[in-house]
Amino acid sequence: MLAAAVFVGCEKKDDGAADFEKGMVAYAARDLRAAALGFSTAAEKNPTNFMARLKLALVNIDLGEIPAAKKAVESALAVDPDSAEAKLVEGQIAYYAKDFPRAKENFNAVAETRGLPPTLRSQALAARAVMEVAADLFDRARLTLWRAVRLDRKNAAAWYHLGHLSRDTYRFEDAALEQFEMAGRLMKDPARAKAIARETIPALRESMRAKIASKPGAAQRDPSAAAKLVAEAEELEKKKDSKKAAAKFAEAYAKDPLSYAAAWNHAKALVAAAKTDAEVTKALIAFQDAIDQRPNSQETYRTAARAALSRSKPMRAEKFLSQALAHDPEDRRTLELYVQTLRRLGKSTEAKLYETYLKEL
């Protein structure tokens, strides 16, 4: 009897650790009901288990049970009132509950606290960007997501929402493809990663293929003839015979509108000699054809934008530069030219937003 009493006295109290581990395993397997049971049981057994309460809030968000999620995160904050992670989750819950002022307050509090881990601040920025998109504040949202990526290059949510902005708002499909591909590689949720790989990306590729196929002359293109004409034009340029060279580039472009060299050189020659608005428009179309072949060439975008500006087409320049920034939002020269272009268009508010971001680089 004495031995039994000693054994009972030494028996370890159940602190819910095993239940928490069961919850984590279930959560990783996306068995949300089992995960909720594990985390809630762990929280009941241990009144100071902050992480069980926080995980329970996240599971309830995934289940769409917002009141339960709110209750769980409030209990987590009762354990640790200063937790930035809990404030971020509380902000997400407030957003789903349509308490937008509270959500914005929480996201800003986390994002703007420099002492916090960059990954956490990046998550807060990505969450805030979703609110900005919903409010049609597209420039603000894009800048917020660029900042999120700068803080954490592995933030899948930031890349995913950038993809949506590029595809649905700005119509920059090449950039959207890059961003969705990045999001898919980084996404921890297998179901969402699978949807991106099997639905989003193939649909984008098909849209881009159809767009290229619909270009005038694309169906009858003759790449070898175009390449020969480009080589001849380059030789004429060396001999300072710019007029004949321009004619050869124009012929090469007609033979193959999908040739970067033909479109690029024809656009430059045409815009320099253009005497009518129609000729300027044709030159800018050729610049866009060149961009479509090399969407990551910042110099191509800037040259096209300067040509548009020189011919009093600042709106077209704005689009060239906006597309350039979708591919590389940290190119200072492109940003500087974009700010100048926005000012020329009278968009002073937008110019200030991008200038502030430029100063952060």
Protein backbone atom coordinates (compact mmCIF):
# COMPACT_ATOMS: atom_id res chain seq x y z
CA MET A 1 0.00 0.00 0.00
CA LEU A 2 2.84 2.35 0.88
CA ALA A 3 4.54 1.63 -2.44
CA ALA A 4 1.30 2.30 -4.31
CA ALA A 5 0.82 5.59 -2.49
CA VAL A 6 4.34 6.67 -3.38
CA PHE A 7 3.71 5.74 -7.02
CA VAL A 8 0.47 7.71 -7.17
CA GLY A 9 2.11 10.70 -5.52
CA CYS A 10 4.85 10.68 -8.11
CA GLU A 11 2.50 10.22 -11.06
CA LYS A 12 2.88 13.10 -13.49
CA LYS A 13 -0.08 15.45 -13.99
CA ASP A 14 -1.56 15.52 -17.53
CA ASP A 15 -0.68 18.99 -18.87
CA GLY A 16 -2.21 18.43 -22.32
CA ALA A 17 1.12 18.12 -24.12
CA ALA A 18 0.06 14.88 -25.82
CA ASP A 19 -3.22 16.47 -26.94
CA PHE A 20 -1.33 19.43 -28.38
CA GLU A 21 0.91 17.10 -30.39
CA LYS A 22 -2.16 15.26 -31.70
CA GLY A 23 -3.56 18.61 -32.75
CA MET A 24 -0.37 19.51 -34.59
CA VAL A 25 -0.30 16.20 -36.47
CA ALA A 26 -3.97 16.55 -37.42
CA TYR A 27 -3.44 20.17 -38.50
CA ALA A 28 -0.53 19.19 -40.74
CA ALA A 29 -2.80 16.55 -42.33
CA ARG A 30 -5.56 19.20 -42.70
CA ASP A 31 -7.88 17.15 -40.45
CA LEU A 32 -9.26 20.35 -38.97
CA ARG A 33 -11.89 18.85 -36.67
CA ALA A 34 -9.35 16.53 -35.05
CA ALA A 35 -6.89 19.43 -34.79
CA ALA A 36 -9.51 21.61 -33.07
CA LEU A 37 -10.24 18.82 -30.57
CA GLY A 38 -6.55 18.36 -29.79
CA PHE A 39 -5.84 22.07 -29.29
CA SER A 40 -8.99 22.73 -27.26
CA THR A 41 -8.29 19.74 -24.99
CA ALA A 42 -4.70 20.90 -24.50
CA ALA A 43 -5.93 24.40 -23.62
CA GLU A 44 -8.42 23.06 -21.10
CA LYS A 45 -5.78 20.96 -19.37
CA ASN A 46 -3.21 23.76 -19.24
CA PRO A 47 -4.52 27.27 -18.52
CA THR A 48 -1.17 28.83 -19.52
CA ASN A 49 -0.71 27.03 -22.85
CA PHE A 50 -0.62 30.05 -25.14
CA MET A 51 0.21 28.16 -28.32
CA ALA A 52 -2.70 25.73 -27.97
CA ARG A 53 -5.09 28.68 -27.82
CA LEU A 54 -3.46 30.43 -30.78
CA LYS A 55 -3.51 27.27 -32.90
CA LEU A 56 -7.15 26.71 -31.95
CA ALA A 57 -7.95 30.20 -33.24
CA LEU A 58 -6.21 29.46 -36.55
CA VAL A 59 -8.03 26.14 -36.96
CA ASN A 60 -11.36 27.81 -36.30
CA ILE A 61 -10.55 30.44 -38.94
CA ASP A 62 -9.93 27.61 -41.42
CA LEU A 63 -13.22 26.02 -40.39
CA GLY A 64 -15.02 29.32 -40.89
CA GLU A 65 -16.08 29.41 -37.25
CA ILE A 66 -15.23 33.03 -36.57
CA PRO A 67 -16.91 33.47 -33.12
CA ALA A 68 -15.04 30.41 -31.85
CA ALA A 69 -11.81 31.75 -33.36
CA LYS A 70 -12.36 35.09 -31.64
CA LYS A 71 -12.91 33.40 -28.29
CA ALA A 72 -9.72 31.33 -28.72
CA VAL A 73 -7.51 34.29 -29.65
CA GLU A 74 -8.91 36.33 -26.75
CA SER A 75 -7.92 33.53 -24.38
CA ALA A 76 -4.45 33.49 -25.99
CA LEU A 77 -4.10 37.25 -25.45
CA ALA A 78 -5.17 36.78 -21.84
CA VAL A 79 -2.13 34.53 -21.41
CA ASP A 80 0.22 36.83 -23.36
CA PRO A 81 -1.25 40.32 -23.96
CA ASP A 82 1.86 41.53 -25.82
CA SER A 83 2.04 38.70 -28.35
CA ALA A 84 2.42 40.09 -31.87
CA GLU A 85 1.40 36.71 -33.31
CA ALA A 86 -1.88 36.79 -31.40
CA LYS A 87 -2.52 40.39 -32.48
CA LEU A 88 -1.97 39.39 -36.09
CA VAL A 89 -4.45 36.51 -35.76
CA GLU A 90 -6.88 38.80 -33.94
CA GLY A 91 -6.61 41.17 -36.92
CA GLN A 92 -7.41 38.35 -39.34
CA ILE A 93 -10.46 37.40 -37.27
CA ALA A 94 -11.59 41.03 -37.16
CA TYR A 95 -11.30 41.16 -40.96
CA TYR A 96 -13.48 38.07 -41.39
CA ALA A 97 -15.94 39.56 -38.90
CA LYS A 98 -15.98 42.73 -41.05
CA ASP A 99 -14.55 44.80 -38.21
CA PHE A 100 -12.21 46.51 -40.66
CA PRO A 101 -10.96 49.36 -38.42
CA ARG A 102 -9.86 46.83 -35.78
CA ALA A 103 -8.25 44.60 -38.40
CA LYS A 104 -6.31 47.52 -39.90
CA GLU A 105 -5.21 48.67 -36.45
CA ASN A 106 -3.82 45.22 -35.61
CA PHE A 107 -2.10 44.72 -38.97
CA ASN A 108 -0.47 48.14 -38.77
CA ALA A 109 0.62 47.58 -35.17
CA VAL A 110 2.47 44.41 -36.15
CA ALA A 111 3.81 45.66 -39.50
CA GLU A 112 5.21 48.91 -38.11
CA THR A 113 6.93 47.48 -35.03
CA ARG A 114 10.53 47.22 -36.21
CA GLY A 115 11.65 45.06 -33.30
CA LEU A 116 9.45 42.16 -34.44
CA PRO A 117 10.69 39.35 -36.71
CA PRO A 118 10.59 40.38 -40.40
CA THR A 119 8.55 37.29 -41.28
CA LEU A 120 5.78 38.32 -38.87
CA ARG A 121 5.75 41.92 -40.10
CA SER A 122 5.64 40.62 -43.67
CA GLN A 123 2.55 38.53 -42.85
CA ALA A 124 0.85 41.59 -41.38
CA LEU A 125 1.60 43.61 -44.52
CA ALA A 126 0.22 40.89 -46.78
CA ALA A 127 -2.96 40.80 -44.68
CA ARG A 128 -3.29 44.59 -44.86
CA ALA A 129 -2.86 44.48 -48.63
CA VAL A 130 -5.93 42.26 -48.93
CA MET A 131 -7.95 45.00 -47.23
CA GLU A 132 -6.48 47.60 -49.59
CA VAL A 133 -7.44 45.53 -52.63
CA ALA A 134 -10.98 45.18 -51.27
CA ALA A 135 -11.11 48.97 -50.96
CA ASP A 136 -9.86 49.40 -54.57
CA LEU A 137 -6.63 50.98 -53.31
CA PHE A 138 -4.58 49.08 -55.86
CA ASP A 139 -1.41 51.18 -55.83
CA ARG A 140 -1.30 51.06 -52.04
CA ALA A 141 -1.90 47.31 -52.08
CA ARG A 142 0.88 46.70 -54.61
CA LEU A 143 3.35 48.79 -52.63
CA THR A 144 2.33 47.02 -49.41
CA LEU A 145 2.96 43.63 -51.03
CA TRP A 146 6.33 44.78 -52.40
CA ARG A 147 7.29 45.76 -48.86
CA ALA A 148 6.06 42.40 -47.58
CA VAL A 149 8.27 40.55 -50.08
CA ARG A 150 11.26 42.72 -49.22
CA LEU A 151 10.84 41.72 -45.56
CA ASP A 152 10.35 38.04 -46.34
CA ARG A 153 11.10 36.63 -49.80
CA LYS A 154 9.40 33.38 -48.74
CA ASN A 155 6.03 34.95 -47.93
CA ALA A 156 3.74 32.80 -50.10
CA ALA A 157 0.66 34.93 -49.37
CA ALA A 158 2.41 38.10 -50.59
CA TRP A 159 3.44 36.44 -53.86
CA TYR A 160 -0.04 34.98 -54.30
CA HIS A 161 -1.80 38.32 -53.89
CA LEU A 162 0.75 40.00 -56.16
CA GLY A 163 -0.17 37.40 -58.77
CA HIS A 164 -3.84 38.29 -58.44
CA LEU A 165 -3.10 42.01 -58.75
CA SER A 166 -0.87 41.53 -61.81
CA ARG A 167 -3.40 39.27 -63.53
CA ASP A 168 -6.76 40.77 -62.56
CA THR A 169 -6.05 44.47 -62.03
CA TYR A 170 -3.03 45.40 -64.13
CA ARG A 171 -3.35 42.67 -66.80
CA PHE A 172 0.36 41.85 -66.71
CA GLU A 173 0.18 38.11 -67.31
CA ASP A 174 3.93 37.47 -67.58
CA ALA A 175 4.49 38.98 -64.15
CA ALA A 176 1.44 37.17 -62.74
CA LEU A 177 2.85 33.85 -63.96
CA GLU A 178 6.16 34.46 -62.19
CA GLN A 179 4.39 35.47 -58.99
CA PHE A 180 1.96 32.53 -58.94
CA GLU A 181 4.84 30.13 -59.63
CA MET A 182 6.71 31.57 -56.66
CA ALA A 183 3.61 31.34 -54.47
CA GLY A 184 3.04 27.72 -55.49
CA ARG A 185 6.61 26.75 -54.57
CA LEU A 186 6.34 28.42 -51.16
CA MET A 187 2.75 27.51 -50.27
CA LYS A 188 2.59 25.19 -47.24
CA ASP A 189 -1.06 24.25 -47.75
CA PRO A 190 -0.94 21.26 -50.18
CA ALA A 191 -4.48 21.87 -51.46
CA ARG A 192 -3.80 25.51 -52.37
CA ALA A 193 -0.41 24.68 -53.89
CA LYS A 194 -2.09 21.99 -55.99
CA ALA A 195 -4.79 24.42 -57.16
CA ILE A 196 -2.14 26.92 -58.26
CA ALA A 197 -0.14 24.26 -60.12
CA ARG A 198 -3.09 22.56 -61.79
CA GLU A 199 -5.54 25.40 -62.37
CA THR A 200 -4.12 28.92 -62.03
CA ILE A 201 -0.81 28.49 -63.86
CA PRO A 202 -2.13 26.39 -66.80
CA ALA A 203 -4.97 28.89 -67.34
CA LEU A 204 -2.46 31.76 -67.41
CA ARG A 205 -0.18 29.95 -69.84
CA GLU A 206 -3.10 29.26 -72.16
CA SER A 207 -4.21 32.89 -72.04
CA MET A 208 -0.68 34.04 -72.88
CA ARG A 209 -0.42 31.52 -75.72
CA ALA A 210 -3.71 32.72 -77.19
CA LYS A 211 -2.59 36.34 -76.92
CA ILE A 212 0.63 35.65 -78.84
CA ALA A 213 -1.19 33.58 -81.46
CA SER A 214 -3.63 36.44 -82.08
CA LYS A 215 -0.93 38.97 -82.98
CA PRO A 216 -1.22 40.15 -86.61
CA GLY A 217 1.16 38.11 -88.76
CA ALA A 218 1.97 35.57 -86.04
CA ALA A 219 0.36 32.68 -87.90
CA GLN A 220 2.46 33.29 -91.05
CA ARG A 221 5.71 34.26 -89.35
CA ASP A 222 9.03 33.45 -91.00
CA PRO A 223 11.73 33.58 -88.27
CA SER A 224 14.65 32.68 -90.56
CA ALA A 225 13.79 35.37 -93.10
CA ALA A 226 13.36 37.91 -90.31
CA ALA A 227 16.73 37.00 -88.78
CA LYS A 228 18.43 37.45 -92.19
CA LEU A 229 16.83 40.87 -92.65
CA VAL A 230 17.84 41.97 -89.14
CA ALA A 231 21.45 40.99 -89.86
CA GLU A 232 21.37 42.97 -93.11
CA ALA A 233 19.88 45.97 -91.33
CA GLU A 234 22.59 45.87 -88.66
CA GLU A 235 25.24 45.91 -91.35
CA LEU A 236 23.59 48.95 -92.94
CA GLU A 237 23.60 50.65 -89.54
CA LYS A 238 27.35 50.11 -89.30
CA LYS A 239 27.65 51.91 -92.63
CA LYS A 240 25.57 54.79 -91.22
CA ASP A 241 22.77 54.14 -93.73
CA SER A 242 19.97 54.53 -91.20
CA LYS A 243 17.18 54.97 -93.77
CA LYS A 244 17.83 51.66 -95.51
CA ALA A 245 18.42 49.97 -92.16
CA ALA A 246 15.04 51.18 -90.91
CA ALA A 247 13.38 49.75 -94.03
CA LYS A 248 15.04 46.38 -93.45
CA PHE A 249 13.97 46.34 -89.78
CA ALA A 250 10.40 47.12 -90.84
CA GLU A 251 10.50 44.25 -93.33
CA ALA A 252 11.92 41.90 -90.69
CA TYR A 253 9.17 42.88 -88.25
CA ALA A 254 6.55 42.19 -90.91
CA LYS A 255 8.08 38.75 -91.49
CA ASP A 256 8.11 37.90 -87.78
CA PRO A 257 6.33 40.10 -85.21
CA LEU A 258 7.51 37.68 -82.51
CA SER A 259 11.17 38.46 -83.15
CA TYR A 260 12.56 40.61 -80.35
CA ALA A 261 15.35 42.01 -82.50
CA ALA A 262 12.99 42.91 -85.34
CA ALA A 263 10.31 44.50 -83.12
CA TRP A 264 12.85 46.32 -80.94
CA ASN A 265 14.87 47.85 -83.78
CA HIS A 266 11.80 48.65 -85.88
CA ALA A 267 10.17 50.42 -82.91
CA LYS A 268 13.24 52.57 -82.26
CA ALA A 269 13.67 53.49 -85.92
CA LEU A 270 9.99 54.21 -86.44
CA VAL A 271 9.48 56.38 -83.37
CA ALA A 272 12.56 58.44 -84.24
CA ALA A 273 11.26 59.20 -87.75
CA ALA A 274 7.51 59.24 -87.06
CA LYS A 275 5.69 62.24 -88.50
CA THR A 276 2.11 61.28 -87.66
CA ASP A 277 0.26 60.11 -84.59
CA ALA A 278 -0.53 56.84 -86.39
CA GLU A 279 3.17 56.16 -86.91
CA VAL A 280 3.87 56.85 -83.23
CA THR A 281 1.12 54.43 -82.27
CA LYS A 282 2.60 51.76 -84.54
CA ALA A 283 6.02 52.28 -82.97
CA LEU A 284 4.61 51.87 -79.46
CA ILE A 285 2.85 48.66 -80.53
CA ALA A 286 6.18 47.37 -81.82
CA PHE A 287 7.81 48.27 -78.48
CA GLN A 288 5.11 46.24 -76.72
CA ASP A 289 5.79 43.30 -79.05
CA ALA A 290 9.47 43.49 -78.09
CA ILE A 291 8.53 43.63 -74.39
CA ASP A 292 6.29 40.58 -74.79
CA GLN A 293 9.34 38.63 -75.97
CA ARG A 294 11.61 39.84 -73.16
CA PRO A 295 9.32 40.81 -70.27
CA ASN A 296 12.20 41.01 -67.79
CA SER A 297 14.27 43.55 -69.71
CA GLN A 298 14.10 46.78 -67.70
CA GLU A 299 16.06 48.67 -70.35
CA THR A 300 13.46 47.75 -72.99
CA TYR A 301 10.68 49.16 -70.81
CA ARG A 302 12.55 52.37 -70.03
CA THR A 303 13.46 52.97 -73.68
CA ALA A 304 9.83 52.41 -74.70
CA ALA A 305 8.63 54.74 -71.94
CA ARG A 306 11.06 57.51 -72.90
CA ALA A 307 9.98 57.18 -76.52
CA ALA A 308 6.33 57.49 -75.46
CA LEU A 309 7.12 60.54 -73.31
CA SER A 310 9.05 62.20 -76.12
CA ARG A 311 5.98 61.84 -78.34
CA SER A 312 3.53 63.18 -75.74
CA LYS A 313 2.15 59.76 -74.79
CA PRO A 314 2.62 59.81 -70.99
CA MET A 315 -0.27 57.38 -70.37
CA ARG A 316 1.44 54.78 -72.55
CA ALA A 317 4.73 55.45 -70.76
CA GLU A 318 2.99 54.88 -67.43
CA LYS A 319 1.81 51.46 -68.54
CA PHE A 320 5.25 50.44 -69.83
CA LEU A 321 6.85 51.40 -66.52
CA SER A 322 4.11 49.87 -64.37
CA GLN A 323 4.62 46.58 -66.20
CA ALA A 324 8.37 46.87 -65.70
CA LEU A 325 7.91 47.30 -61.96
CA ALA A 326 5.65 44.26 -61.79
CA HIS A 327 8.75 42.26 -62.74
CA ASP A 328 11.30 44.18 -60.68
CA PRO A 329 9.87 46.57 -58.07
CA GLU A 330 13.35 47.38 -56.77
CA ASP A 331 14.85 48.88 -59.94
CA ARG A 332 15.61 52.44 -58.88
CA ARG A 333 15.96 53.86 -62.40
CA THR A 334 12.57 52.52 -63.45
CA LEU A 335 10.97 53.79 -60.24
CA GLU A 336 12.46 57.26 -60.70
CA LEU A 337 11.13 57.47 -64.26
CA TYR A 338 7.75 56.15 -63.09
CA VAL A 339 7.47 58.85 -60.42
CA GLN A 340 8.34 61.52 -63.01
CA THR A 341 5.71 60.11 -65.39
CA LEU A 342 3.02 60.05 -62.70
CA ARG A 343 3.76 63.71 -61.92
CA ARG A 344 3.52 64.60 -65.60
CA LEU A 345 0.09 62.97 -65.64
CA GLY A 346 -0.97 65.02 -62.63
CA LYS A 347 -1.12 61.96 -60.37
CA SER A 348 0.63 63.62 -57.45
CA THR A 349 -0.86 61.34 -54.78
CA GLU A 350 0.34 58.20 -56.54
CA ALA A 351 3.71 59.82 -57.27
CA LYS A 352 4.22 60.49 -53.55
CA LEU A 353 3.38 56.88 -52.69
CA TYR A 354 5.97 55.48 -55.10
CA GLU A 355 8.54 58.14 -54.16
CA THR A 356 8.23 57.16 -50.50
CA TYR A 357 8.81 53.52 -51.43
CA LEU A 358 11.78 54.52 -53.62
CA LYS A 359 13.41 56.26 -50.65
CA GLU A 360 13.13 53.03 -48.64
CA LEU A 361 15.32 51.09 -51.07
